[in-house]
Protein backbone atom coordinates (compact mmCIF):
# COMPACT_ATOMS: atom_id res chain seq x y z
CA UNK A 1 7.96 -4.02 -0.60
CA UNK A 2 5.84 -5.94 -3.09
CA UNK A 3 2.12 -6.34 -2.47
CA UNK A 4 0.20 -9.41 -3.58
CA UNK A 5 -3.58 -9.08 -3.93
CA UNK A 6 -5.64 -12.30 -3.80
CA UNK A 7 -8.40 -12.59 -6.44
CA UNK A 8 -8.71 -16.34 -6.78
CA UNK A 9 -11.45 -17.05 -4.23
CA UNK A 10 -14.66 -18.70 -5.44
CA UNK A 11 -17.00 -16.40 -3.51
CA UNK A 12 -19.64 -19.13 -3.16
CA UNK A 13 -21.43 -17.48 -0.23
CA UNK A 14 -21.41 -14.08 -1.92
CA UNK A 15 -22.79 -15.54 -5.14
CA UNK A 16 -20.52 -13.32 -7.33
CA UNK A 17 -16.87 -12.40 -7.71
CA UNK A 18 -15.97 -10.06 -4.89
CA UNK A 19 -13.21 -8.30 -6.79
CA UNK A 20 -15.80 -7.04 -9.34
CA UNK A 21 -18.31 -5.66 -6.82
CA UNK A 22 -19.15 -1.99 -7.31
CA UNK A 23 -18.56 0.11 -4.21
CA UNK A 24 -20.94 2.87 -3.09
CA UNK A 25 -18.82 5.47 -4.95
CA UNK A 26 -19.17 3.48 -8.18
CA UNK A 27 -15.64 2.07 -8.38
CA UNK A 28 -14.90 -1.60 -8.75
CA UNK A 29 -13.52 -3.14 -5.56
CA UNK A 30 -10.34 -4.38 -7.16
CA UNK A 31 -9.62 -1.03 -8.76
CA UNK A 32 -10.23 0.76 -5.45
CA UNK A 33 -7.92 -1.65 -3.58
CA UNK A 34 -5.14 -1.23 -6.17
CA UNK A 35 -5.42 2.55 -5.97
CA UNK A 36 -5.19 2.31 -2.18
CA UNK A 37 -2.14 0.03 -2.21
CA UNK A 38 -0.37 2.29 -4.72
CA UNK A 39 -0.30 4.92 -1.95
CA UNK A 40 2.25 2.75 -0.09
CA UNK A 41 3.99 0.73 -2.85
CA UNK A 42 4.18 0.70 -6.63
CA UNK A 43 5.09 -2.97 -6.79
CA UNK A 44 1.76 -4.76 -7.01
CA UNK A 45 0.97 -8.30 -8.18
CA UNK A 46 -2.35 -10.01 -8.67
CA UNK A 47 -2.70 -13.61 -7.51
CA UNK A 48 -4.91 -15.28 -10.07
CA UNK A 49 -4.88 -18.02 -12.69
CA UNK A 50 -7.05 -15.86 -14.94
CA UNK A 51 -4.89 -13.09 -16.55
CA UNK A 52 -8.01 -11.37 -17.89
CA UNK A 53 -8.86 -10.19 -14.37
CA UNK A 54 -5.77 -7.98 -14.10
CA UNK A 55 -6.06 -4.24 -14.85
CA UNK A 56 -3.54 -2.88 -17.34
CA UNK A 57 -0.10 -2.63 -15.85
CA UNK A 58 -0.62 -5.10 -12.98
CA UNK A 59 1.42 -8.32 -13.36
CA UNK A 60 -0.23 -11.65 -12.68
CA UNK A 61 1.21 -14.36 -10.46
CA UNK A 62 -0.55 -17.70 -11.05
CA UNK A 63 -0.71 -20.42 -8.40
CA UNK A 64 1.56 -23.46 -8.72
CA UNK A 65 -1.05 -25.50 -6.81
CA UNK A 66 -4.51 -24.14 -7.73
CA UNK A 67 -7.19 -24.78 -5.14
CA UNK A 68 -4.83 -24.50 -2.17
CA UNK A 69 -6.08 -21.08 -1.09
CA UNK A 70 -3.88 -18.19 0.11
CA UNK A 71 -0.98 -20.52 0.85
CA UNK A 72 -0.69 -21.25 -2.85
CA UNK A 73 -0.22 -17.52 -3.47
CA UNK A 74 2.50 -17.37 -0.84
CA UNK A 75 4.22 -20.39 -2.35
CA UNK A 76 4.08 -18.89 -5.81
CA UNK A 77 5.50 -15.61 -4.58
CA UNK A 78 8.39 -17.29 -2.79
CA UNK A 79 9.22 -19.27 -5.96
CA UNK A 80 9.17 -16.10 -8.10
CA UNK A 81 10.91 -13.77 -5.61
CA UNK A 82 13.08 -15.83 -3.23
CA UNK A 83 14.53 -13.78 -0.42
CA UNK A 84 11.83 -11.07 -0.60
CA UNK A 85 9.01 -10.37 1.85
CA UNK A 86 5.45 -9.76 0.69
CA UNK A 87 2.41 -7.81 1.83
CA UNK A 88 -0.49 -10.20 1.26
CA UNK A 89 -3.98 -8.67 0.92
CA UNK A 90 -7.42 -10.17 0.39
CA UNK A 91 -9.48 -8.50 -2.32
CA UNK A 92 -12.56 -8.21 -0.03
CA UNK A 93 -11.17 -5.65 2.40
CA UNK A 94 -13.69 -2.98 1.57
CA UNK A 95 -12.83 -0.88 4.66
CA UNK A 96 -9.08 -1.02 4.45
CA UNK A 97 -7.48 2.42 4.53
CA UNK A 98 -4.06 4.07 4.01
CA UNK A 99 -3.41 4.62 7.73
CA UNK A 100 -3.83 0.88 8.41
CA UNK A 101 -1.43 -0.12 5.61
CA UNK A 102 1.18 2.39 6.65
CA UNK A 103 0.95 1.30 10.32
CA UNK A 104 1.59 -2.29 9.27
CA UNK A 105 4.58 -1.34 7.14
CA UNK A 106 6.02 0.78 9.95
CA UNK A 107 5.41 -1.76 12.70
CA UNK A 108 6.66 -4.89 10.97
CA UNK A 109 10.14 -6.25 11.61
CA UNK A 110 12.20 -8.42 9.25
CA UNK A 111 13.43 -10.28 12.37
CA UNK A 112 9.92 -11.70 12.94
CA UNK A 113 8.51 -14.32 10.49
CA UNK A 114 5.28 -12.38 9.93
CA UNK A 115 3.54 -9.20 11.10
CA UNK A 116 -0.26 -9.12 11.28
CA UNK A 117 -3.13 -7.23 12.83
CA UNK A 118 -5.25 -8.71 15.63
CA UNK A 119 -8.87 -9.43 14.72
CA UNK A 120 -11.02 -6.92 16.63
CA UNK A 121 -13.34 -9.59 18.07
CA UNK A 122 -11.27 -12.68 18.87
CA UNK A 123 -7.85 -10.98 18.84
CA UNK A 124 -6.27 -13.76 16.70
CA UNK A 125 -3.98 -12.64 13.87
CA UNK A 126 -5.56 -11.86 10.53
CA UNK A 127 -3.71 -13.61 7.66
CA UNK A 128 -4.94 -11.59 4.67
CA UNK A 129 -3.47 -8.25 5.59
CA UNK A 130 -0.08 -9.49 6.69
CA UNK A 131 3.60 -9.08 5.88
CA UNK A 132 5.31 -12.48 5.44
CA UNK A 133 9.11 -12.60 5.59
CA UNK A 134 11.07 -14.96 3.30
CA UNK A 135 11.68 -17.48 6.10
CA UNK A 136 7.96 -17.79 6.64
CA UNK A 137 7.16 -18.04 2.94
CA UNK A 138 9.49 -21.01 2.64
CA UNK A 139 7.12 -22.99 4.88
CA UNK A 140 4.06 -22.50 2.62
CA UNK A 141 5.09 -25.32 0.28
CA UNK A 142 5.41 -27.71 3.21
CA UNK A 143 1.99 -26.81 4.53
CA UNK A 144 0.44 -27.41 1.08
CA UNK A 145 2.20 -30.76 0.79
CA UNK A 146 0.76 -31.70 4.18
CA UNK A 147 -2.69 -30.56 3.02
CA UNK A 148 -2.86 -27.94 5.74
CA UNK A 149 -4.56 -25.10 3.82
CA UNK A 150 -5.92 -22.88 6.59
CA UNK A 151 -4.22 -19.48 6.24
CA UNK A 152 -4.96 -18.49 9.86
CA UNK A 153 -3.50 -21.69 11.29
CA UNK A 154 -0.44 -21.23 9.07
CA UNK A 155 0.03 -17.65 10.29
CA UNK A 156 -0.40 -18.65 13.93
CA UNK A 157 2.24 -21.39 13.53
CA UNK A 158 4.77 -18.67 12.62
CA UNK A 159 4.43 -16.93 15.99
CA UNK A 160 3.84 -13.57 14.27
CA UNK A 161 4.09 -10.10 15.63
CA UNK A 162 0.49 -9.11 16.34
CA UNK A 163 -0.38 -5.43 16.02
CA UNK A 164 -3.46 -3.55 17.20
CA UNK A 165 -5.56 -1.97 14.45
CA UNK A 166 -5.51 1.82 13.98
CA UNK A 167 -9.17 1.74 12.90
CA UNK A 168 -11.04 -1.21 14.47
CA UNK A 169 -13.20 -2.13 11.46
CA UNK A 170 -10.48 -1.74 8.82
CA UNK A 171 -10.26 -5.52 8.23
CA UNK A 172 -13.99 -6.28 8.42
CA UNK A 173 -14.58 -8.30 5.26
CA UNK A 174 -17.65 -9.43 3.33
CA UNK A 175 -18.38 -13.06 2.53
CA UNK A 176 -22.18 -12.84 2.15
CA UNK A 177 -24.67 -10.29 0.75
CA UNK A 178 -25.69 -9.33 4.33
CA UNK A 179 -22.05 -8.71 5.26
CA UNK A 180 -21.64 -6.63 2.14
CA UNK A 181 -24.64 -4.52 3.18
CA UNK A 182 -22.91 -4.02 6.54
CA UNK A 183 -19.54 -2.88 5.13
CA UNK A 184 -21.31 -0.58 2.70
CA UNK A 185 -23.34 0.88 5.54
CA UNK A 186 -20.07 1.57 7.36
CA UNK A 187 -18.65 3.24 4.23
CA UNK A 188 -21.74 5.41 3.80
CA UNK A 189 -22.46 6.36 7.41
CA UNK A 190 -19.22 5.88 9.31
CA UNK A 191 -18.67 3.81 12.41
CA UNK A 192 -19.75 4.60 16.01
CA UNK A 193 -20.09 2.33 19.02
CA UNK A 194 -23.66 1.84 20.26
CA UNK A 195 -25.44 -0.12 23.00
CA UNK A 196 -28.04 -2.60 21.76
CA UNK A 197 -30.32 -4.88 23.80
CA UNK A 198 -30.31 -8.37 22.26
CA UNK A 199 -32.91 -11.09 22.96
CA UNK A 200 -32.27 -14.75 22.19
CA UNK A 201 -34.76 -17.58 21.70
CA UNK A 202 -34.73 -21.35 21.36
CA UNK A 203 -31.51 -22.75 19.96
CA UNK A 204 -29.72 -19.41 20.21
CA UNK A 205 -30.71 -19.06 23.88
CA UNK A 206 -29.30 -22.50 24.56
CA UNK A 207 -26.07 -21.71 22.71
CA UNK A 208 -25.57 -18.32 24.40
CA UNK A 209 -26.69 -19.52 27.81
CA UNK A 210 -28.89 -16.49 28.48
CA UNK A 211 -32.17 -14.87 27.39
CA UNK A 212 -30.88 -11.36 26.75
CA UNK A 213 -27.89 -9.09 27.08
CA UNK A 214 -26.77 -5.53 26.41
CA UNK A 215 -23.94 -5.39 23.90
CA UNK A 216 -21.69 -2.65 22.64
CA UNK A 217 -21.31 -2.96 18.86
CA UNK A 218 -19.72 -1.22 15.91
CA UNK A 219 -22.29 -2.78 13.56
CA UNK A 220 -24.50 -0.50 11.47
CA UNK A 221 -27.17 -3.05 10.52
CA UNK A 222 -29.08 -5.89 12.16
CA UNK A 223 -27.25 -8.38 9.98
CA UNK A 224 -23.88 -6.90 10.90
CA UNK A 225 -24.79 -7.21 14.61
CA UNK A 226 -25.74 -10.87 14.25
CA UNK A 227 -22.52 -11.69 12.40
CA UNK A 228 -20.49 -9.99 15.12
CA UNK A 229 -22.24 -12.00 17.80
CA UNK A 230 -22.09 -15.23 15.83
CA UNK A 231 -18.32 -14.84 15.41
CA UNK A 232 -17.73 -13.82 19.03
CA UNK A 233 -19.81 -16.55 20.63
CA UNK A 234 -19.65 -19.24 17.90
CA UNK A 235 -23.46 -19.21 17.55
CA UNK A 236 -24.67 -22.29 15.63
CA UNK A 237 -27.09 -20.77 13.16
CA UNK A 238 -26.33 -18.85 9.98
CA UNK A 239 -28.12 -15.60 9.38
CA UNK A 240 -30.28 -17.05 6.56
CA UNK A 241 -31.84 -19.49 9.04
CA UNK A 242 -33.20 -16.68 11.23
CA UNK A 243 -35.70 -13.91 11.36
CA UNK A 244 -35.09 -10.59 13.02
CA UNK A 245 -37.18 -7.96 14.81
CA UNK A 246 -36.24 -4.43 15.82
CA UNK A 247 -38.16 -2.72 18.60
CA UNK A 248 -41.07 -5.15 18.26
CA UNK A 249 -41.38 -5.11 14.42
CA UNK A 250 -40.00 -7.66 12.00
CA UNK A 251 -37.22 -6.22 9.91
CA UNK A 252 -34.74 -7.20 7.19
CA UNK A 253 -31.03 -7.71 7.83
CA UNK A 254 -30.08 -4.39 6.26
CA UNK A 255 -32.15 -2.43 8.77
CA UNK A 256 -30.04 0.38 10.38
CA UNK A 257 -29.35 0.22 14.11
CA UNK A 258 -29.80 3.09 16.52
CA UNK A 259 -28.44 3.34 20.09
CA UNK A 260 -30.87 1.74 22.55
CA UNK A 261 -32.55 -0.53 19.99
CA UNK A 262 -33.92 -3.90 21.05
CA UNK A 263 -33.07 -6.61 18.52
CA UNK A 264 -34.56 -10.11 18.65
CA UNK A 265 -33.05 -13.01 16.68
CA UNK A 266 -35.71 -15.66 16.03
CA UNK A 267 -34.69 -19.22 15.04
CA UNK A 268 -37.12 -21.54 13.20
CA UNK A 269 -39.61 -23.38 15.36
CA UNK A 270 -38.61 -26.99 16.02
CA UNK A 271 -40.60 -29.30 13.75
CA UNK A 272 -41.98 -26.33 11.82
């Protein structure tokens, strides 16, 4: 099976190209991902309109409709390889591992339009580590023509096979510097569940509907914890609008978490 790696995202929230980020072991993210994918397939393509991004020996597949997101990559693949399925991967999967890829390849069925993993928090299918069958790929052009560019909505419309992750954090991605700190902390220190007491104030208290709660989390940092909670409960404030305290002392978002910590998320004062 061919694999198609997406590298065309603008990375506005990260502030730099995610494919070129250096991992804790010193390797470039794109190079590390290609090496990982080569463990399961030798047929790898890079989805980009900039051929200079591709390492030697990796073919480039440009979009036919630039600016249409992952669906443009699916459309381009279907046009180039009609009748073939594809393993689509985002370039920002810093925690992806061989066991996860192999499990997807073993669990997928050509009789189902797409096979995807469930997100560990909301359990909806994740579109950027997914096998799309040819019948599903044929619908990408229609979605683009209808200006329906959301990859997750497209995947859900296919009624995919949804698979549980082997390793829960394998698809945790990084869209901001704080999220990058979190995935790097997971790479350096591993992942372990921990109980954390969380206190909410002002707008967050109103949104959550409570003052405090005890949560079990796989996050390694204060920022990672907030992003987990923001995603799970659709909290209204971005991390850069808040301050954080750990066990009574103000801290930065990269502060490591320990079991039993008390974390306070502090919104700006109204009118301040």
